[in-house]
Amino acid sequence: MHIFAIFDHNLYIELAISDLEIRGIAREKILAVPLEKETREMAVLDTIHRADGVSLIDGGAVLGTILMLLGTIWGFHWYWGPIVGGLIGLALGVASGIGLDWVMTKRQNRPSNLSRKAEVVLVVHCTESEAGMVKKTLKDHCAIGVGLIHQG
């Protein structure tokens, strides 16, 4: 039987491993795999196959539409006319919307990126009679999640 647990990368995983060894689980039957923290740059546009939930085009589209409408309305009073006024409003709106979205997204993502630590997957090979004790020990040492697979 294999028991899987996920821990934050901190002292609790070391305490869990040493507690399992004290309770009779051999060191060779315990495997700890640290996961790498993924840092990804923001994409300007989400695609069908890859979406990170952050799209910088949305704000640009909204502000572009609003300023294009205002540029068209005010364009009737300008020498260049409503079409050029609408195009100028569109360009200014898209540029300012993308810039504003980028600044707001960078500001929101910074604290969560710094506070998020890497995680560690702990795999323990044990017998069915030891499974309850191992699962309880891992939960007592603040495992984020625990799962088990029966070998048959």
C-alpha atoms as a PDB file:
ATOM      1  CA  MET A   1       0.000   0.000   0.000  1.00  0.00           C
ATOM      2  CA  HIS A   2       1.246   3.485  -0.833  1.00  0.00           C
ATOM      3  CA  ILE A   3       0.215   6.560   1.120  1.00  0.00           C
ATOM      4  CA  PHE A   4       0.719   9.974  -0.471  1.00  0.00           C
ATOM      5  CA  ALA A   5       0.753  13.252   1.438  1.00  0.00           C
ATOM      6  CA  ILE A   6       1.409  16.837   0.416  1.00  0.00           C
ATOM      7  CA  PHE A   7       3.163  19.226   2.798  1.00  0.00           C
ATOM      8  CA  ASP A   8       4.298  22.816   2.622  1.00  0.00           C
ATOM      9  CA  HIS A   9       8.075  22.988   2.517  1.00  0.00           C
ATOM     10  CA  ASN A  10       8.653  23.535   6.253  1.00  0.00           C
ATOM     11  CA  LEU A  11       9.701  21.757   9.438  1.00  0.00           C
ATOM     12  CA  TYR A  12       6.502  19.701   9.760  1.00  0.00           C
ATOM     13  CA  ILE A  13       7.561  17.289   7.027  1.00  0.00           C
ATOM     14  CA  GLU A  14      10.840  16.572   8.831  1.00  0.00           C
ATOM     15  CA  LEU A  15       8.924  15.945  12.043  1.00  0.00           C
ATOM     16  CA  ALA A  16       6.510  13.628  10.226  1.00  0.00           C
ATOM     17  CA  ILE A  17       9.358  11.605   8.693  1.00  0.00           C
ATOM     18  CA  SER A  18      11.177  11.239  12.008  1.00  0.00           C
ATOM     19  CA  ASP A  19       7.916  10.301  13.761  1.00  0.00           C
ATOM     20  CA  LEU A  20       7.241   7.612  11.134  1.00  0.00           C
ATOM     21  CA  GLU A  21      10.754   6.227  11.621  1.00  0.00           C
ATOM     22  CA  ILE A  22      10.237   6.122  15.397  1.00  0.00           C
ATOM     23  CA  ARG A  23       6.971   4.220  14.857  1.00  0.00           C
ATOM     24  CA  GLY A  24       8.723   1.520  12.816  1.00  0.00           C
ATOM     25  CA  ILE A  25       8.532   2.608   9.170  1.00  0.00           C
ATOM     26  CA  ALA A  26      11.961   2.070   7.581  1.00  0.00           C
ATOM     27  CA  ARG A  27      13.702   5.039   5.977  1.00  0.00           C
ATOM     28  CA  GLU A  28      13.880   3.114   2.675  1.00  0.00           C
ATOM     29  CA  LYS A  29      10.074   3.024   2.545  1.00  0.00           C
ATOM     30  CA  ILE A  30       9.718   6.822   2.775  1.00  0.00           C
ATOM     31  CA  LEU A  31      10.200   9.045  -0.265  1.00  0.00           C
ATOM     32  CA  ALA A  32      10.020  12.851  -0.165  1.00  0.00           C
ATOM     33  CA  VAL A  33       9.892  14.710  -3.490  1.00  0.00           C
ATOM     34  CA  PRO A  34      10.125  18.522  -3.438  1.00  0.00           C
ATOM     35  CA  LEU A  35       8.120  20.238  -6.159  1.00  0.00           C
ATOM     36  CA  GLU A  36       9.533  23.238  -7.976  1.00  0.00           C
ATOM     37  CA  LYS A  37       7.702  26.516  -7.667  1.00  0.00           C
ATOM     38  CA  GLU A  38       6.486  27.622 -11.058  1.00  0.00           C
ATOM     39  CA  THR A  39       6.888  31.253 -11.994  1.00  0.00           C
ATOM     40  CA  ARG A  40       5.225  32.221 -15.217  1.00  0.00           C
ATOM     41  CA  GLU A  41       5.098  35.546 -16.990  1.00  0.00           C
ATOM     42  CA  MET A  42       1.733  37.097 -17.711  1.00  0.00           C
ATOM     43  CA  ALA A  43       0.417  36.678 -21.224  1.00  0.00           C
ATOM     44  CA  VAL A  44      -1.301  39.564 -22.924  1.00  0.00           C
ATOM     45  CA  LEU A  45      -3.894  37.269 -24.454  1.00  0.00           C
ATOM     46  CA  ASP A  46      -5.385  33.966 -23.270  1.00  0.00           C
ATOM     47  CA  THR A  47      -5.673  31.253 -25.910  1.00  0.00           C
ATOM     48  CA  ILE A  48      -7.903  28.206 -26.171  1.00  0.00           C
ATOM     49  CA  HIS A  49      -5.105  25.844 -25.147  1.00  0.00           C
ATOM     50  CA  ARG A  50      -3.429  27.967 -22.478  1.00  0.00           C
ATOM     51  CA  ALA A  51      -5.237  30.284 -20.119  1.00  0.00           C
ATOM     52  CA  ASP A  52      -3.735  31.620 -16.909  1.00  0.00           C
ATOM     53  CA  GLY A  53      -6.855  33.512 -15.889  1.00  0.00           C
ATOM     54  CA  VAL A  54      -5.174  36.868 -16.449  1.00  0.00           C
ATOM     55  CA  SER A  55      -6.007  38.630 -19.687  1.00  0.00           C
ATOM     56  CA  LEU A  56      -4.700  42.126 -20.218  1.00  0.00           C
ATOM     57  CA  ILE A  57      -6.887  42.758 -23.256  1.00  0.00           C
ATOM     58  CA  ASP A  58     -10.160  42.974 -21.302  1.00  0.00           C
ATOM     59  CA  GLY A  59      -9.458  46.357 -19.751  1.00  0.00           C
ATOM     60  CA  GLY A  60      -8.137  47.664 -23.058  1.00  0.00           C
ATOM     61  CA  ALA A  61     -11.285  46.560 -24.861  1.00  0.00           C
ATOM     62  CA  VAL A  62     -13.564  48.224 -22.325  1.00  0.00           C
ATOM     63  CA  LEU A  63     -11.675  51.520 -22.163  1.00  0.00           C
ATOM     64  CA  GLY A  64     -11.117  51.453 -25.934  1.00  0.00           C
ATOM     65  CA  THR A  65     -14.855  51.150 -26.537  1.00  0.00           C
ATOM     66  CA  ILE A  66     -15.725  53.926 -24.104  1.00  0.00           C
ATOM     67  CA  LEU A  67     -13.107  56.375 -25.384  1.00  0.00           C
ATOM     68  CA  MET A  68     -13.917  55.503 -29.012  1.00  0.00           C
ATOM     69  CA  LEU A  69     -17.561  56.384 -28.367  1.00  0.00           C
ATOM     70  CA  LEU A  70     -16.594  59.642 -26.656  1.00  0.00           C
ATOM     71  CA  GLY A  71     -14.100  60.443 -29.430  1.00  0.00           C
ATOM     72  CA  THR A  72     -16.782  59.886 -32.047  1.00  0.00           C
ATOM     73  CA  ILE A  73     -19.261  62.101 -30.199  1.00  0.00           C
ATOM     74  CA  TRP A  74     -16.727  64.888 -29.663  1.00  0.00           C
ATOM     75  CA  GLY A  75     -15.406  64.393 -33.181  1.00  0.00           C
ATOM     76  CA  PHE A  76     -18.475  66.146 -34.583  1.00  0.00           C
ATOM     77  CA  HIS A  77     -17.144  69.358 -33.026  1.00  0.00           C
ATOM     78  CA  TRP A  78     -13.529  68.852 -34.146  1.00  0.00           C
ATOM     79  CA  TYR A  79     -11.980  69.763 -37.455  1.00  0.00           C
ATOM     80  CA  TRP A  80     -10.845  66.150 -38.157  1.00  0.00           C
ATOM     81  CA  GLY A  81     -14.317  64.706 -37.766  1.00  0.00           C
ATOM     82  CA  PRO A  82     -15.913  61.836 -35.877  1.00  0.00           C
ATOM     83  CA  ILE A  83     -14.025  58.981 -37.575  1.00  0.00           C
ATOM     84  CA  VAL A  84     -10.571  60.269 -36.678  1.00  0.00           C
ATOM     85  CA  GLY A  85     -11.831  61.243 -33.210  1.00  0.00           C
ATOM     86  CA  GLY A  86     -13.135  57.701 -32.703  1.00  0.00           C
ATOM     87  CA  LEU A  87      -9.834  56.154 -33.847  1.00  0.00           C
ATOM     88  CA  ILE A  88      -7.855  58.432 -31.534  1.00  0.00           C
ATOM     89  CA  GLY A  89     -10.177  57.522 -28.641  1.00  0.00           C
ATOM     90  CA  LEU A  90      -9.814  53.827 -29.483  1.00  0.00           C
ATOM     91  CA  ALA A  91      -6.009  53.992 -29.512  1.00  0.00           C
ATOM     92  CA  LEU A  92      -5.853  55.948 -26.257  1.00  0.00           C
ATOM     93  CA  GLY A  93      -8.406  53.673 -24.575  1.00  0.00           C
ATOM     94  CA  VAL A  94      -6.710  50.420 -25.576  1.00  0.00           C
ATOM     95  CA  ALA A  95      -3.265  51.686 -24.547  1.00  0.00           C
ATOM     96  CA  SER A  96      -4.433  53.061 -21.206  1.00  0.00           C
ATOM     97  CA  GLY A  97      -6.609  49.983 -20.496  1.00  0.00           C
ATOM     98  CA  ILE A  98      -3.771  47.526 -21.134  1.00  0.00           C
ATOM     99  CA  GLY A  99      -1.398  49.658 -19.052  1.00  0.00           C
ATOM    100  CA  LEU A 100      -3.870  49.941 -16.189  1.00  0.00           C
ATOM    101  CA  ASP A 101      -4.642  46.197 -16.310  1.00  0.00           C
ATOM    102  CA  TRP A 102      -0.933  45.362 -16.307  1.00  0.00           C
ATOM    103  CA  VAL A 103      -0.231  47.588 -13.288  1.00  0.00           C
ATOM    104  CA  MET A 104      -3.218  46.242 -11.330  1.00  0.00           C
ATOM    105  CA  THR A 105      -2.341  42.611 -12.121  1.00  0.00           C
ATOM    106  CA  LYS A 106       1.304  43.075 -11.124  1.00  0.00           C
ATOM    107  CA  ARG A 107       0.224  44.684  -7.857  1.00  0.00           C
ATOM    108  CA  GLN A 108      -2.238  41.867  -7.047  1.00  0.00           C
ATOM    109  CA  ASN A 109       0.129  38.997  -7.912  1.00  0.00           C
ATOM    110  CA  ARG A 110       3.189  40.226  -6.053  1.00  0.00           C
ATOM    111  CA  PRO A 111       2.177  39.384  -2.446  1.00  0.00           C
ATOM    112  CA  SER A 112       0.722  35.968  -3.305  1.00  0.00           C
ATOM    113  CA  ASN A 113       3.833  35.033  -5.288  1.00  0.00           C
ATOM    114  CA  LEU A 114       6.122  35.867  -2.386  1.00  0.00           C
ATOM    115  CA  SER A 115       4.024  34.085   0.224  1.00  0.00           C
ATOM    116  CA  ARG A 116       3.491  30.912  -1.795  1.00  0.00           C
ATOM    117  CA  LYS A 117       6.127  28.320  -0.955  1.00  0.00           C
ATOM    118  CA  ALA A 118       7.044  25.162  -2.768  1.00  0.00           C
ATOM    119  CA  GLU A 119       5.377  21.941  -1.701  1.00  0.00           C
ATOM    120  CA  VAL A 120       6.703  18.463  -0.964  1.00  0.00           C
ATOM    121  CA  VAL A 121       5.046  15.156  -1.864  1.00  0.00           C
ATOM    122  CA  LEU A 122       5.698  12.409   0.675  1.00  0.00           C
ATOM    123  CA  VAL A 123       5.206   8.776  -0.389  1.00  0.00           C
ATOM    124  CA  VAL A 124       5.188   6.038   2.270  1.00  0.00           C
ATOM    125  CA  HIS A 125       5.152   2.319   1.405  1.00  0.00           C
ATOM    126  CA  CYS A 126       3.546   0.358   4.247  1.00  0.00           C
ATOM    127  CA  THR A 127       1.337  -2.612   5.058  1.00  0.00           C
ATOM    128  CA  GLU A 128      -2.434  -2.410   5.496  1.00  0.00           C
ATOM    129  CA  SER A 129      -2.096  -2.750   9.267  1.00  0.00           C
ATOM    130  CA  GLU A 130       0.244   0.283   9.406  1.00  0.00           C
ATOM    131  CA  ALA A 131      -1.873   2.421   7.066  1.00  0.00           C
ATOM    132  CA  GLY A 132      -4.119   3.929   9.737  1.00  0.00           C
ATOM    133  CA  MET A 133      -1.172   4.859  11.935  1.00  0.00           C
ATOM    134  CA  VAL A 134       0.739   6.393   9.002  1.00  0.00           C
ATOM    135  CA  LYS A 135      -2.289   8.369   7.813  1.00  0.00           C
ATOM    136  CA  LYS A 136      -2.992   9.700  11.326  1.00  0.00           C
ATOM    137  CA  THR A 137       0.677  10.623  11.823  1.00  0.00           C
ATOM    138  CA  LEU A 138       0.778  12.554   8.553  1.00  0.00           C
ATOM    139  CA  LYS A 139      -2.447  14.413   9.364  1.00  0.00           C
ATOM    140  CA  ASP A 140      -1.164  15.215  12.866  1.00  0.00           C
ATOM    141  CA  HIS A 141       1.894  16.861  11.306  1.00  0.00           C
ATOM    142  CA  CYS A 142      -0.170  19.302   9.203  1.00  0.00           C
ATOM    143  CA  ALA A 143      -0.327  17.519   5.847  1.00  0.00           C
ATOM    144  CA  ILE A 144      -2.299  19.512   3.285  1.00  0.00           C
ATOM    145  CA  GLY A 145      -3.788  16.330   1.853  1.00  0.00           C
ATOM    146  CA  VAL A 146      -3.423  12.568   2.340  1.00  0.00           C
ATOM    147  CA  GLY A 147      -4.382   9.810  -0.095  1.00  0.00           C
ATOM    148  CA  LEU A 148      -3.757   6.094  -0.324  1.00  0.00           C
ATOM    149  CA  ILE A 149      -3.557   3.461  -3.029  1.00  0.00           C
ATOM    150  CA  HIS A 150      -4.196  -0.213  -2.345  1.00  0.00           C
ATOM    151  CA  GLN A 151      -1.931  -2.596  -4.203  1.00  0.00           C
ATOM    152  CA  GLY A 152      -3.729  -5.641  -5.382  1.00  0.00           C
END
